[in-house]
């Protein structure tokens, strides 16, 4: 299990909880319970935002790592070609 998949699972669970709190708040007649569920819904939205931010960071970092890997591969191939050319010249 990777950190990314754990974050995605946590986001799904948080989104489900947020929907439940919103539903519970809408269904109750009790003003105190309604306020409590509204606060819990807002808290869960902050959790989702944090998870989304972390996932975005990981995706950007992964894109950068892939770009760097591609660049390193290209440099290695160029170096090999240059070595081969030098050997053929001799």
C-alpha atoms as a PDB file:
ATOM      1  CA  UNK A   1       0.000   0.000   0.000  1.00  0.00           C
ATOM      2  CA  UNK A   2       1.388   3.395  -0.924  1.00  0.00           C
ATOM      3  CA  UNK A   3       0.940   6.721   0.774  1.00  0.00           C
ATOM      4  CA  UNK A   4      -0.988   7.942  -2.264  1.00  0.00           C
ATOM      5  CA  UNK A   5      -3.485   5.081  -2.122  1.00  0.00           C
ATOM      6  CA  UNK A   6      -3.881   5.580   1.635  1.00  0.00           C
ATOM      7  CA  UNK A   7      -4.594   9.271   1.064  1.00  0.00           C
ATOM      8  CA  UNK A   8      -7.114   8.446  -1.650  1.00  0.00           C
ATOM      9  CA  UNK A   9      -8.901   5.989   0.657  1.00  0.00           C
ATOM     10  CA  UNK A  10      -8.913   8.557   3.458  1.00  0.00           C
ATOM     11  CA  UNK A  11     -10.355  11.156   1.085  1.00  0.00           C
ATOM     12  CA  UNK A  12     -13.168   8.803   0.053  1.00  0.00           C
ATOM     13  CA  UNK A  13     -13.967   8.047   3.710  1.00  0.00           C
ATOM     14  CA  UNK A  14     -13.908  11.758   4.571  1.00  0.00           C
ATOM     15  CA  UNK A  15     -16.199  12.605   1.656  1.00  0.00           C
ATOM     16  CA  UNK A  16     -18.622   9.924   2.824  1.00  0.00           C
ATOM     17  CA  UNK A  17     -18.530  11.260   6.389  1.00  0.00           C
ATOM     18  CA  UNK A  18     -19.097  14.807   5.133  1.00  0.00           C
ATOM     19  CA  UNK A  19     -22.166  13.671   3.182  1.00  0.00           C
ATOM     20  CA  UNK A  20     -23.481  11.832   6.250  1.00  0.00           C
ATOM     21  CA  UNK A  21     -23.036  14.856   8.517  1.00  0.00           C
ATOM     22  CA  UNK A  22     -24.783  17.099   5.992  1.00  0.00           C
ATOM     23  CA  UNK A  23     -27.645  14.605   5.719  1.00  0.00           C
ATOM     24  CA  UNK A  24     -27.945  14.212   9.507  1.00  0.00           C
ATOM     25  CA  UNK A  25     -27.931  17.988   9.955  1.00  0.00           C
ATOM     26  CA  UNK A  26     -30.644  18.442   7.365  1.00  0.00           C
ATOM     27  CA  UNK A  27     -32.851  15.769   8.896  1.00  0.00           C
ATOM     28  CA  UNK A  28     -32.719  16.822  12.527  1.00  0.00           C
ATOM     29  CA  UNK A  29     -35.111  19.279  14.128  1.00  0.00           C
ATOM     30  CA  UNK A  30     -32.839  19.819  17.148  1.00  0.00           C
ATOM     31  CA  UNK A  31     -30.981  23.152  16.716  1.00  0.00           C
ATOM     32  CA  UNK A  32     -28.023  22.009  18.865  1.00  0.00           C
ATOM     33  CA  UNK A  33     -27.661  18.788  16.876  1.00  0.00           C
ATOM     34  CA  UNK A  34     -28.017  20.741  13.627  1.00  0.00           C
ATOM     35  CA  UNK A  35     -25.212  23.080  14.736  1.00  0.00           C
ATOM     36  CA  UNK A  36     -23.040  20.129  15.813  1.00  0.00           C
ATOM     37  CA  UNK A  37     -23.464  18.363  12.464  1.00  0.00           C
ATOM     38  CA  UNK A  38     -22.748  21.601  10.587  1.00  0.00           C
ATOM     39  CA  UNK A  39     -19.500  22.009  12.545  1.00  0.00           C
ATOM     40  CA  UNK A  40     -18.567  18.387  11.893  1.00  0.00           C
ATOM     41  CA  UNK A  41     -19.293  18.896   8.192  1.00  0.00           C
ATOM     42  CA  UNK A  42     -16.985  21.936   8.121  1.00  0.00           C
ATOM     43  CA  UNK A  43     -14.268  20.022   9.979  1.00  0.00           C
ATOM     44  CA  UNK A  44     -14.532  17.173   7.498  1.00  0.00           C
ATOM     45  CA  UNK A  45     -14.246  19.617   4.598  1.00  0.00           C
ATOM     46  CA  UNK A  46     -10.967  20.856   6.101  1.00  0.00           C
ATOM     47  CA  UNK A  47      -9.784  17.236   6.278  1.00  0.00           C
ATOM     48  CA  UNK A  48     -10.697  16.722   2.628  1.00  0.00           C
ATOM     49  CA  UNK A  49      -8.882  19.924   1.668  1.00  0.00           C
ATOM     50  CA  UNK A  50      -5.739  18.761   3.498  1.00  0.00           C
ATOM     51  CA  UNK A  51      -5.895  15.360   1.813  1.00  0.00           C
ATOM     52  CA  UNK A  52      -6.406  16.970  -1.602  1.00  0.00           C
ATOM     53  CA  UNK A  53      -3.459  19.305  -1.026  1.00  0.00           C
ATOM     54  CA  UNK A  54      -1.206  16.404  -0.092  1.00  0.00           C
ATOM     55  CA  UNK A  55      -2.369  14.367  -3.089  1.00  0.00           C
ATOM     56  CA  UNK A  56      -1.690  17.332  -5.378  1.00  0.00           C
ATOM     57  CA  UNK A  57       1.793  17.682  -3.907  1.00  0.00           C
ATOM     58  CA  UNK A  58       2.502  13.989  -4.451  1.00  0.00           C
ATOM     59  CA  UNK A  59       1.236  14.149  -8.030  1.00  0.00           C
ATOM     60  CA  UNK A  60       3.412  17.191  -8.779  1.00  0.00           C
ATOM     61  CA  UNK A  61       6.403  15.566  -7.147  1.00  0.00           C
ATOM     62  CA  UNK A  62       5.809  12.393  -9.127  1.00  0.00           C
ATOM     63  CA  UNK A  63       5.576  14.387 -12.353  1.00  0.00           C
ATOM     64  CA  UNK A  64       8.860  16.106 -11.502  1.00  0.00           C
ATOM     65  CA  UNK A  65      10.501  12.774 -10.685  1.00  0.00           C
ATOM     66  CA  UNK A  66       9.299  11.298 -13.963  1.00  0.00           C
ATOM     67  CA  UNK A  67      10.600  14.307 -15.888  1.00  0.00           C
ATOM     68  CA  UNK A  68      13.965  14.082 -14.138  1.00  0.00           C
ATOM     69  CA  UNK A  69      14.146  10.352 -14.814  1.00  0.00           C
ATOM     70  CA  UNK A  70      13.399  10.909 -18.486  1.00  0.00           C
ATOM     71  CA  UNK A  71      16.055  13.606 -18.650  1.00  0.00           C
ATOM     72  CA  UNK A  72      18.607  11.371 -16.914  1.00  0.00           C
ATOM     73  CA  UNK A  73      17.785   8.517 -19.287  1.00  0.00           C
ATOM     74  CA  UNK A  74      18.243  10.796 -22.283  1.00  0.00           C
ATOM     75  CA  UNK A  75      21.591  12.005 -20.924  1.00  0.00           C
ATOM     76  CA  UNK A  76      22.722   8.419 -20.361  1.00  0.00           C
ATOM     77  CA  UNK A  77      21.769   7.484 -23.903  1.00  0.00           C
ATOM     78  CA  UNK A  78      23.651  10.482 -25.269  1.00  0.00           C
ATOM     79  CA  UNK A  79      26.711   9.581 -23.203  1.00  0.00           C
ATOM     80  CA  UNK A  80      26.598   5.982 -24.461  1.00  0.00           C
ATOM     81  CA  UNK A  81      26.296   7.173 -28.045  1.00  0.00           C
ATOM     82  CA  UNK A  82      29.230   9.517 -27.570  1.00  0.00           C
ATOM     83  CA  UNK A  83      31.356   6.737 -26.075  1.00  0.00           C
ATOM     84  CA  UNK A  84      30.397   4.456 -28.961  1.00  0.00           C
ATOM     85  CA  UNK A  85      31.331   7.151 -31.483  1.00  0.00           C
ATOM     86  CA  UNK A  86      34.659   7.699 -29.757  1.00  0.00           C
ATOM     87  CA  UNK A  87      35.412   3.979 -29.828  1.00  0.00           C
ATOM     88  CA  UNK A  88      34.511   3.729 -33.526  1.00  0.00           C
ATOM     89  CA  UNK A  89      36.776   6.700 -34.351  1.00  0.00           C
ATOM     90  CA  UNK A  90      39.768   5.010 -32.745  1.00  0.00           C
END
